Amino acid sequence: MAKLHFSLVAPERELFAGEVDSVDAPGAEGDFGVMAGHEPFMTTLRAGVVTVKSGSSVTVYEIQGGFADVTQTSFTLLAEHAKAATV
């Protein structure tokens, strides 16, 4: 499976950067998932949960809105506020 470069950036710091299989995010118009090869788009984000999947590993972050920039090989998420979710 092709990998997608994902970067999650909050004003304080970059919380995640690396190659992943997929990312699910809370779009302003509904939740969406991104994998390598996705059509490019930009959108605003609402408060919610971002789920990052890589192999058998799943990492979850809570965000408070922001912006998403998706290309066929990368996904950059600029969050107004973000933190690792407690499970």
PDB file of N, CA and C in Angstrom:
ATOM      1  N   MET A   1       0.837  -1.175   0.000  1.00  0.00           N
ATOM      2  CA  MET A   1       0.000   0.000   0.000  1.00  0.00           C
ATOM      3  C   MET A   1       0.887   1.245   0.000  1.00  0.00           C
ATOM      4  N   ALA A   2       0.542   2.212  -0.819  1.00  0.00           N
ATOM      5  CA  ALA A   2       1.298   3.473  -0.887  1.00  0.00           C
ATOM      6  C   ALA A   2       1.096   4.260   0.399  1.00  0.00           C
ATOM      7  N   LYS A   3       2.120   4.973   0.796  1.00  0.00           N
ATOM      8  CA  LYS A   3       2.076   5.771   2.019  1.00  0.00           C
ATOM      9  C   LYS A   3       1.769   7.229   1.701  1.00  0.00           C
ATOM     10  N   LEU A   4       1.212   7.912   2.680  1.00  0.00           N
ATOM     11  CA  LEU A   4       0.849   9.317   2.602  1.00  0.00           C
ATOM     12  C   LEU A   4       1.670  10.048   3.649  1.00  0.00           C
ATOM     13  N   HIS A   5       2.276  11.185   3.285  1.00  0.00           N
ATOM     14  CA  HIS A   5       2.988  11.972   4.298  1.00  0.00           C
ATOM     15  C   HIS A   5       1.971  12.851   5.011  1.00  0.00           C
ATOM     16  N   PHE A   6       1.867  12.681   6.347  1.00  0.00           N
ATOM     17  CA  PHE A   6       0.917  13.446   7.144  1.00  0.00           C
ATOM     18  C   PHE A   6       1.658  14.316   8.140  1.00  0.00           C
ATOM     19  N   SER A   7       1.205  15.564   8.256  1.00  0.00           N
ATOM     20  CA  SER A   7       1.781  16.500   9.209  1.00  0.00           C
ATOM     21  C   SER A   7       0.645  17.189   9.956  1.00  0.00           C
ATOM     22  N   LEU A   8       0.687  17.125  11.298  1.00  0.00           N
ATOM     23  CA  LEU A   8      -0.294  17.791  12.149  1.00  0.00           C
ATOM     24  C   LEU A   8       0.431  18.885  12.913  1.00  0.00           C
ATOM     25  N   VAL A   9       0.035  20.139  12.645  1.00  0.00           N
ATOM     26  CA  VAL A   9       0.720  21.292  13.229  1.00  0.00           C
ATOM     27  C   VAL A   9      -0.277  22.129  14.025  1.00  0.00           C
ATOM     28  N   ALA A  10       0.082  22.438  15.270  1.00  0.00           N
ATOM     29  CA  ALA A  10      -0.671  23.346  16.124  1.00  0.00           C
ATOM     30  C   ALA A  10       0.182  24.594  16.312  1.00  0.00           C
ATOM     31  N   PRO A  11      -0.388  25.694  16.799  1.00  0.00           N
ATOM     32  CA  PRO A  11       0.420  26.908  16.982  1.00  0.00           C
ATOM     33  C   PRO A  11       1.651  26.704  17.860  1.00  0.00           C
ATOM     34  N   GLU A  12       1.562  25.819  18.843  1.00  0.00           N
ATOM     35  CA  GLU A  12       2.671  25.602  19.766  1.00  0.00           C
ATOM     36  C   GLU A  12       3.806  24.768  19.169  1.00  0.00           C
ATOM     37  N   ARG A  13       3.430  23.763  18.328  1.00  0.00           N
ATOM     38  CA  ARG A  13       4.447  22.846  17.810  1.00  0.00           C
ATOM     39  C   ARG A  13       3.840  21.867  16.806  1.00  0.00           C
ATOM     40  N   GLU A  14       4.714  21.137  16.154  1.00  0.00           N
ATOM     41  CA  GLU A  14       4.281  20.060  15.263  1.00  0.00           C
ATOM     42  C   GLU A  14       4.067  18.815  16.121  1.00  0.00           C
ATOM     43  N   LEU A  15       2.860  18.271  16.098  1.00  0.00           N
ATOM     44  CA  LEU A  15       2.549  17.108  16.922  1.00  0.00           C
ATOM     45  C   LEU A  15       2.867  15.791  16.224  1.00  0.00           C
ATOM     46  N   PHE A  16       2.781  15.779  14.897  1.00  0.00           N
ATOM     47  CA  PHE A  16       3.038  14.540  14.159  1.00  0.00           C
ATOM     48  C   PHE A  16       3.546  14.873  12.778  1.00  0.00           C
ATOM     49  N   ALA A  17       4.521  14.093  12.314  1.00  0.00           N
ATOM     50  CA  ALA A  17       4.993  14.168  10.929  1.00  0.00           C
ATOM     51  C   ALA A  17       5.537  12.799  10.570  1.00  0.00           C
ATOM     52  N   GLY A  18       5.004  12.211   9.510  1.00  0.00           N
ATOM     53  CA  GLY A  18       5.496  10.909   9.098  1.00  0.00           C
ATOM     54  C   GLY A  18       4.649  10.290   8.014  1.00  0.00           C
ATOM     55  N   GLU A  19       5.085   9.114   7.590  1.00  0.00           N
ATOM     56  CA  GLU A  19       4.391   8.362   6.545  1.00  0.00           C
ATOM     57  C   GLU A  19       3.318   7.490   7.190  1.00  0.00           C
ATOM     58  N   VAL A  20       2.094   7.569   6.676  1.00  0.00           N
ATOM     59  CA  VAL A  20       0.964   6.832   7.243  1.00  0.00           C
ATOM     60  C   VAL A  20       0.161   6.156   6.129  1.00  0.00           C
ATOM     61  N   ASP A  21      -0.732   5.259   6.542  1.00  0.00           N
ATOM     62  CA  ASP A  21      -1.625   4.602   5.581  1.00  0.00           C
ATOM     63  C   ASP A  21      -2.858   5.454   5.291  1.00  0.00           C
ATOM     64  N   SER A  22      -3.443   6.054   6.354  1.00  0.00           N
ATOM     65  CA  SER A  22      -4.641   6.875   6.162  1.00  0.00           C
ATOM     66  C   SER A  22      -4.848   7.795   7.357  1.00  0.00           C
ATOM     67  N   VAL A  23      -5.652   8.828   7.125  1.00  0.00           N
ATOM     68  CA  VAL A  23      -6.016   9.783   8.172  1.00  0.00           C
ATOM     69  C   VAL A  23      -7.497  10.104   8.026  1.00  0.00           C
ATOM     70  N   ASP A  24      -8.231  10.088   9.146  1.00  0.00           N
ATOM     71  CA  ASP A  24      -9.629  10.502   9.181  1.00  0.00           C
ATOM     72  C   ASP A  24      -9.693  11.817   9.943  1.00  0.00           C
ATOM     73  N   ALA A  25     -10.446  12.794   9.420  1.00  0.00           N
ATOM     74  CA  ALA A  25     -10.494  14.122  10.021  1.00  0.00           C
ATOM     75  C   ALA A  25     -11.918  14.679  10.004  1.00  0.00           C
ATOM     76  N   PRO A  26     -12.201  15.631  10.927  1.00  0.00           N
ATOM     77  CA  PRO A  26     -13.537  16.226  11.010  1.00  0.00           C
ATOM     78  C   PRO A  26     -13.664  17.491  10.154  1.00  0.00           C
ATOM     79  N   GLY A  27     -14.081  17.338   8.934  1.00  0.00           N
ATOM     80  CA  GLY A  27     -14.264  18.489   8.053  1.00  0.00           C
ATOM     81  C   GLY A  27     -15.449  19.329   8.467  1.00  0.00           C
ATOM     82  N   ALA A  28     -15.448  20.593   8.099  1.00  0.00           N
ATOM     83  CA  ALA A  28     -16.557  21.492   8.429  1.00  0.00           C
ATOM     84  C   ALA A  28     -17.865  21.018   7.805  1.00  0.00           C
ATOM     85  N   GLU A  29     -17.778  20.314   6.678  1.00  0.00           N
ATOM     86  CA  GLU A  29     -18.979  19.828   5.991  1.00  0.00           C
ATOM     87  C   GLU A  29     -19.179  18.325   6.165  1.00  0.00           C
ATOM     88  N   GLY A  30     -18.425  17.723   7.090  1.00  0.00           N
ATOM     89  CA  GLY A  30     -18.548  16.292   7.352  1.00  0.00           C
ATOM     90  C   GLY A  30     -17.180  15.639   7.470  1.00  0.00           C
ATOM     91  N   ASP A  31     -17.137  14.509   8.135  1.00  0.00           N
ATOM     92  CA  ASP A  31     -15.884  13.775   8.306  1.00  0.00           C
ATOM     93  C   ASP A  31     -15.395  13.262   6.960  1.00  0.00           C
ATOM     94  N   PHE A  32     -14.061  13.151   6.828  1.00  0.00           N
ATOM     95  CA  PHE A  32     -13.486  12.623   5.594  1.00  0.00           C
ATOM     96  C   PHE A  32     -12.228  11.822   5.907  1.00  0.00           C
ATOM     97  N   GLY A  33     -11.895  10.919   4.998  1.00  0.00           N
ATOM     98  CA  GLY A  33     -10.688  10.110   5.110  1.00  0.00           C
ATOM     99  C   GLY A  33      -9.792  10.352   3.922  1.00  0.00           C
ATOM    100  N   VAL A  34      -8.476  10.266   4.161  1.00  0.00           N
ATOM    101  CA  VAL A  34      -7.500  10.511   3.101  1.00  0.00           C
ATOM    102  C   VAL A  34      -6.486   9.372   3.069  1.00  0.00           C
ATOM    103  N   MET A  35      -6.194   8.898   1.867  1.00  0.00           N
ATOM    104  CA  MET A  35      -5.139   7.910   1.624  1.00  0.00           C
ATOM    105  C   MET A  35      -4.283   8.444   0.487  1.00  0.00           C
ATOM    106  N   ALA A  36      -3.140   7.830   0.251  1.00  0.00           N
ATOM    107  CA  ALA A  36      -2.282   8.231  -0.864  1.00  0.00           C
ATOM    108  C   ALA A  36      -3.078   8.159  -2.166  1.00  0.00           C
ATOM    109  N   GLY A  37      -2.868   9.133  -3.033  1.00  0.00           N
ATOM    110  CA  GLY A  37      -3.562   9.169  -4.319  1.00  0.00           C
ATOM    111  C   GLY A  37      -4.870   9.942  -4.295  1.00  0.00           C
ATOM    112  N   HIS A  38      -5.227  10.497  -3.146  1.00  0.00           N
ATOM    113  CA  HIS A  38      -6.482  11.247  -3.026  1.00  0.00           C
ATOM    114  C   HIS A  38      -6.429  12.495  -3.911  1.00  0.00           C
ATOM    115  N   GLU A  39      -7.563  12.892  -4.436  1.00  0.00           N
ATOM    116  CA  GLU A  39      -7.639  14.121  -5.225  1.00  0.00           C
ATOM    117  C   GLU A  39      -7.316  15.311  -4.320  1.00  0.00           C
ATOM    118  N   PRO A  40      -6.561  16.281  -4.811  1.00  0.00           N
ATOM    119  CA  PRO A  40      -6.211  17.452  -4.002  1.00  0.00           C
ATOM    120  C   PRO A  40      -7.432  18.299  -3.643  1.00  0.00           C
ATOM    121  N   PHE A  41      -7.421  18.824  -2.419  1.00  0.00           N
ATOM    122  CA  PHE A  41      -8.450  19.773  -1.981  1.00  0.00           C
ATOM    123  C   PHE A  41      -7.988  20.479  -0.716  1.00  0.00           C
ATOM    124  N   MET A  42      -8.664  21.573  -0.404  1.00  0.00           N
ATOM    125  CA  MET A  42      -8.451  22.304   0.851  1.00  0.00           C
ATOM    126  C   MET A  42      -9.822  22.478   1.497  1.00  0.00           C
ATOM    127  N   THR A  43      -9.850  22.450   2.838  1.00  0.00           N
ATOM    128  CA  THR A  43     -11.111  22.630   3.546  1.00  0.00           C
ATOM    129  C   THR A  43     -10.854  23.149   4.948  1.00  0.00           C
ATOM    130  N   THR A  44     -11.897  23.661   5.558  1.00  0.00           N
ATOM    131  CA  THR A  44     -11.822  24.041   6.965  1.00  0.00           C
ATOM    132  C   THR A  44     -12.223  22.833   7.812  1.00  0.00           C
ATOM    133  N   LEU A  45     -11.795  22.853   9.059  1.00  0.00           N
ATOM    134  CA  LEU A  45     -12.067  21.757   9.978  1.00  0.00           C
ATOM    135  C   LEU A  45     -12.868  22.268  11.165  1.00  0.00           C
ATOM    136  N   ARG A  46     -13.671  21.397  11.735  1.00  0.00           N
ATOM    137  CA  ARG A  46     -14.401  21.708  12.957  1.00  0.00           C
ATOM    138  C   ARG A  46     -13.737  20.958  14.116  1.00  0.00           C
ATOM    139  N   ALA A  47     -14.156  21.241  15.311  1.00  0.00           N
ATOM    140  CA  ALA A  47     -13.634  20.520  16.474  1.00  0.00           C
ATOM    141  C   ALA A  47     -14.000  19.044  16.356  1.00  0.00           C
ATOM    142  N   GLY A  48     -13.068  18.182  16.729  1.00  0.00           N
ATOM    143  CA  GLY A  48     -13.323  16.750  16.655  1.00  0.00           C
ATOM    144  C   GLY A  48     -12.063  15.943  16.803  1.00  0.00           C
ATOM    145  N   VAL A  49     -12.112  14.719  16.312  1.00  0.00           N
ATOM    146  CA  VAL A  49     -11.032  13.751  16.473  1.00  0.00           C
ATOM    147  C   VAL A  49     -10.370  13.464  15.132  1.00  0.00           C
ATOM    148  N   VAL A  50      -9.031  13.440  15.138  1.00  0.00           N
ATOM    149  CA  VAL A  50      -8.235  13.045  13.978  1.00  0.00           C
ATOM    150  C   VAL A  50      -7.644  11.682  14.291  1.00  0.00           C
ATOM    151  N   THR A  51      -7.881  10.711  13.404  1.00  0.00           N
ATOM    152  CA  THR A  51      -7.381   9.356  13.598  1.00  0.00           C
ATOM    153  C   THR A  51      -6.333   9.057  12.538  1.00  0.00           C
ATOM    154  N   VAL A  52      -5.123   8.705  12.988  1.00  0.00           N
ATOM    155  CA  VAL A  52      -3.996   8.431  12.097  1.00  0.00           C
ATOM    156  C   VAL A  52      -3.709   6.935  12.147  1.00  0.00           C
ATOM    157  N   LYS A  53      -3.735   6.271  10.970  1.00  0.00           N
ATOM    158  CA  LYS A  53      -3.506   4.823  10.911  1.00  0.00           C
ATOM    159  C   LYS A  53      -2.249   4.526  10.100  1.00  0.00           C
ATOM    160  N   SER A  54      -1.383   3.711  10.688  1.00  0.00           N
ATOM    161  CA  SER A  54      -0.166   3.278  10.015  1.00  0.00           C
ATOM    162  C   SER A  54       0.115   1.839  10.425  1.00  0.00           C
ATOM    163  N   GLY A  55      -0.093   0.918   9.482  1.00  0.00           N
ATOM    164  CA  GLY A  55       0.033  -0.499   9.825  1.00  0.00           C
ATOM    165  C   GLY A  55      -1.002  -0.854  10.879  1.00  0.00           C
ATOM    166  N   SER A  56      -0.564  -1.481  11.968  1.00  0.00           N
ATOM    167  CA  SER A  56      -1.489  -1.838  13.048  1.00  0.00           C
ATOM    168  C   SER A  56      -1.572  -0.748  14.114  1.00  0.00           C
ATOM    169  N   SER A  57      -0.846   0.345  13.919  1.00  0.00           N
ATOM    170  CA  SER A  57      -0.825   1.443  14.885  1.00  0.00           C
ATOM    171  C   SER A  57      -1.918   2.464  14.571  1.00  0.00           C
ATOM    172  N   VAL A  58      -2.629   2.896  15.609  1.00  0.00           N
ATOM    173  CA  VAL A  58      -3.650   3.940  15.482  1.00  0.00           C
ATOM    174  C   VAL A  58      -3.356   5.004  16.533  1.00  0.00           C
ATOM    175  N   THR A  59      -3.236   6.266  16.082  1.00  0.00           N
ATOM    176  CA  THR A  59      -2.982   7.389  16.974  1.00  0.00           C
ATOM    177  C   THR A  59      -4.137   8.371  16.826  1.00  0.00           C
ATOM    178  N   VAL A  60      -4.622   8.891  17.952  1.00  0.00           N
ATOM    179  CA  VAL A  60      -5.788   9.768  17.931  1.00  0.00           C
ATOM    180  C   VAL A  60      -5.426  11.117  18.555  1.00  0.00           C
ATOM    181  N   TYR A  61      -5.868  12.188  17.902  1.00  0.00           N
ATOM    182  CA  TYR A  61      -5.669  13.557  18.387  1.00  0.00           C
ATOM    183  C   TYR A  61      -7.010  14.260  18.454  1.00  0.00           C
ATOM    184  N   GLU A  62      -7.149  15.176  19.402  1.00  0.00           N
ATOM    185  CA  GLU A  62      -8.325  16.037  19.488  1.00  0.00           C
ATOM    186  C   GLU A  62      -7.922  17.403  18.958  1.00  0.00           C
ATOM    187  N   ILE A  63      -8.743  17.958  18.052  1.00  0.00           N
ATOM    188  CA  ILE A  63      -8.448  19.287  17.511  1.00  0.00           C
ATOM    189  C   ILE A  63      -9.616  20.228  17.754  1.00  0.00           C
ATOM    190  N   GLN A  64      -9.327  21.515  17.696  1.00  0.00           N
ATOM    191  CA  GLN A  64     -10.354  22.549  17.856  1.00  0.00           C
ATOM    192  C   GLN A  64     -10.394  23.408  16.594  1.00  0.00           C
ATOM    193  N   GLY A  65     -10.725  22.787  15.466  1.00  0.00           N
ATOM    194  CA  GLY A  65     -10.825  23.514  14.206  1.00  0.00           C
ATOM    195  C   GLY A  65      -9.480  23.738  13.540  1.00  0.00           C
ATOM    196  N   GLY A  66      -9.528  24.282  12.329  1.00  0.00           N
ATOM    197  CA  GLY A  66      -8.315  24.550  11.583  1.00  0.00           C
ATOM    198  C   GLY A  66      -8.543  24.415  10.094  1.00  0.00           C
ATOM    199  N   PHE A  67      -7.448  24.072   9.388  1.00  0.00           N
ATOM    200  CA  PHE A  67      -7.476  23.945   7.932  1.00  0.00           C
ATOM    201  C   PHE A  67      -6.769  22.668   7.505  1.00  0.00           C
ATOM    202  N   ALA A  68      -7.200  22.092   6.388  1.00  0.00           N
ATOM    203  CA  ALA A  68      -6.580  20.891   5.824  1.00  0.00           C
ATOM    204  C   ALA A  68      -6.180  21.167   4.381  1.00  0.00           C
ATOM    205  N   ASP A  69      -4.974  20.734   4.019  1.00  0.00           N
ATOM    206  CA  ASP A  69      -4.467  20.836   2.646  1.00  0.00           C
ATOM    207  C   ASP A  69      -4.055  19.435   2.211  1.00  0.00           C
ATOM    208  N   VAL A  70      -4.767  18.884   1.234  1.00  0.00           N
ATOM    209  CA  VAL A  70      -4.530  17.513   0.775  1.00  0.00           C
ATOM    210  C   VAL A  70      -4.003  17.531  -0.654  1.00  0.00           C
ATOM    211  N   THR A  71      -2.923  16.786  -0.905  1.00  0.00           N
ATOM    212  CA  THR A  71      -2.440  16.533  -2.260  1.00  0.00           C
ATOM    213  C   THR A  71      -2.452  15.024  -2.458  1.00  0.00           C
ATOM    214  N   GLN A  72      -2.023  14.558  -3.608  1.00  0.00           N
ATOM    215  CA  GLN A  72      -2.015  13.114  -3.852  1.00  0.00           C
ATOM    216  C   GLN A  72      -0.980  12.380  -3.002  1.00  0.00           C
ATOM    217  N   THR A  73       0.010  13.092  -2.480  1.00  0.00           N
ATOM    218  CA  THR A  73       1.065  12.437  -1.690  1.00  0.00           C
ATOM    219  C   THR A  73       1.182  12.943  -0.262  1.00  0.00           C
ATOM    220  N   SER A  74       0.414  13.994   0.102  1.00  0.00           N
ATOM    221  CA  SER A  74       0.565  14.531   1.448  1.00  0.00           C
ATOM    222  C   SER A  74      -0.734  15.125   1.982  1.00  0.00           C
ATOM    223  N   PHE A  75      -0.779  15.254   3.304  1.00  0.00           N
ATOM    224  CA  PHE A  75      -1.919  15.860   3.998  1.00  0.00           C
ATOM    225  C   PHE A  75      -1.330  16.704   5.121  1.00  0.00           C
ATOM    226  N   THR A  76      -1.536  18.012   5.042  1.00  0.00           N
ATOM    227  CA  THR A  76      -1.088  18.916   6.097  1.00  0.00           C
ATOM    228  C   THR A  76      -2.314  19.449   6.812  1.00  0.00           C
ATOM    229  N   LEU A  77      -2.350  19.273   8.122  1.00  0.00           N
ATOM    230  CA  LEU A  77      -3.454  19.730   8.931  1.00  0.00           C
ATOM    231  C   LEU A  77      -2.931  20.817   9.869  1.00  0.00           C
ATOM    232  N   LEU A  78      -3.449  22.035   9.712  1.00  0.00           N
ATOM    233  CA  LEU A  78      -3.081  23.164  10.560  1.00  0.00           C
ATOM    234  C   LEU A  78      -4.220  23.379  11.549  1.00  0.00           C
ATOM    235  N   ALA A  79      -4.001  22.990  12.789  1.00  0.00           N
ATOM    236  CA  ALA A  79      -5.048  23.042  13.807  1.00  0.00           C
ATOM    237  C   ALA A  79      -4.960  24.317  14.631  1.00  0.00           C
ATOM    238  N   GLU A  80      -6.129  24.858  15.005  1.00  0.00           N
ATOM    239  CA  GLU A  80      -6.158  26.007  15.906  1.00  0.00           C
ATOM    240  C   GLU A  80      -5.636  25.595  17.282  1.00  0.00           C
ATOM    241  N   HIS A  81      -5.955  24.370  17.694  1.00  0.00           N
ATOM    242  CA  HIS A  81      -5.460  23.768  18.936  1.00  0.00           C
ATOM    243  C   HIS A  81      -5.508  22.268  18.744  1.00  0.00           C
ATOM    244  N   ALA A  82      -4.512  21.547  19.232  1.00  0.00           N
ATOM    245  CA  ALA A  82      -4.507  20.087  19.104  1.00  0.00           C
ATOM    246  C   ALA A  82      -3.750  19.476  20.264  1.00  0.00           C
ATOM    247  N   LYS A  83      -4.187  18.251  20.640  1.00  0.00           N
ATOM    248  CA  LYS A  83      -3.496  17.494  21.675  1.00  0.00           C
ATOM    249  C   LYS A  83      -3.750  16.019  21.445  1.00  0.00           C
ATOM    250  N   ALA A  84      -2.859  15.191  21.965  1.00  0.00           N
ATOM    251  CA  ALA A  84      -3.055  13.741  21.889  1.00  0.00           C
ATOM    252  C   ALA A  84      -4.280  13.390  22.713  1.00  0.00           C
ATOM    253  N   ALA A  85      -5.133  12.539  22.173  1.00  0.00           N
ATOM    254  CA  ALA A  85      -6.352  12.146  22.882  1.00  0.00           C
ATOM    255  C   ALA A  85      -6.008  11.124  23.955  1.00  0.00           C
ATOM    256  N   THR A  86      -6.709  11.202  25.065  1.00  0.00           N
ATOM    257  CA  THR A  86      -6.543  10.207  26.116  1.00  0.00           C
ATOM    258  C   THR A  86      -7.574   9.115  25.890  1.00  0.00           C
ATOM    259  N   VAL A  87      -7.104   7.894  25.886  1.00  0.00           N
ATOM    260  CA  VAL A  87      -7.988   6.764  25.589  1.00  0.00           C
ATOM    261  C   VAL A  87      -8.374   6.038  26.850  1.00  0.00           C
TER     262      VAL A  87
END
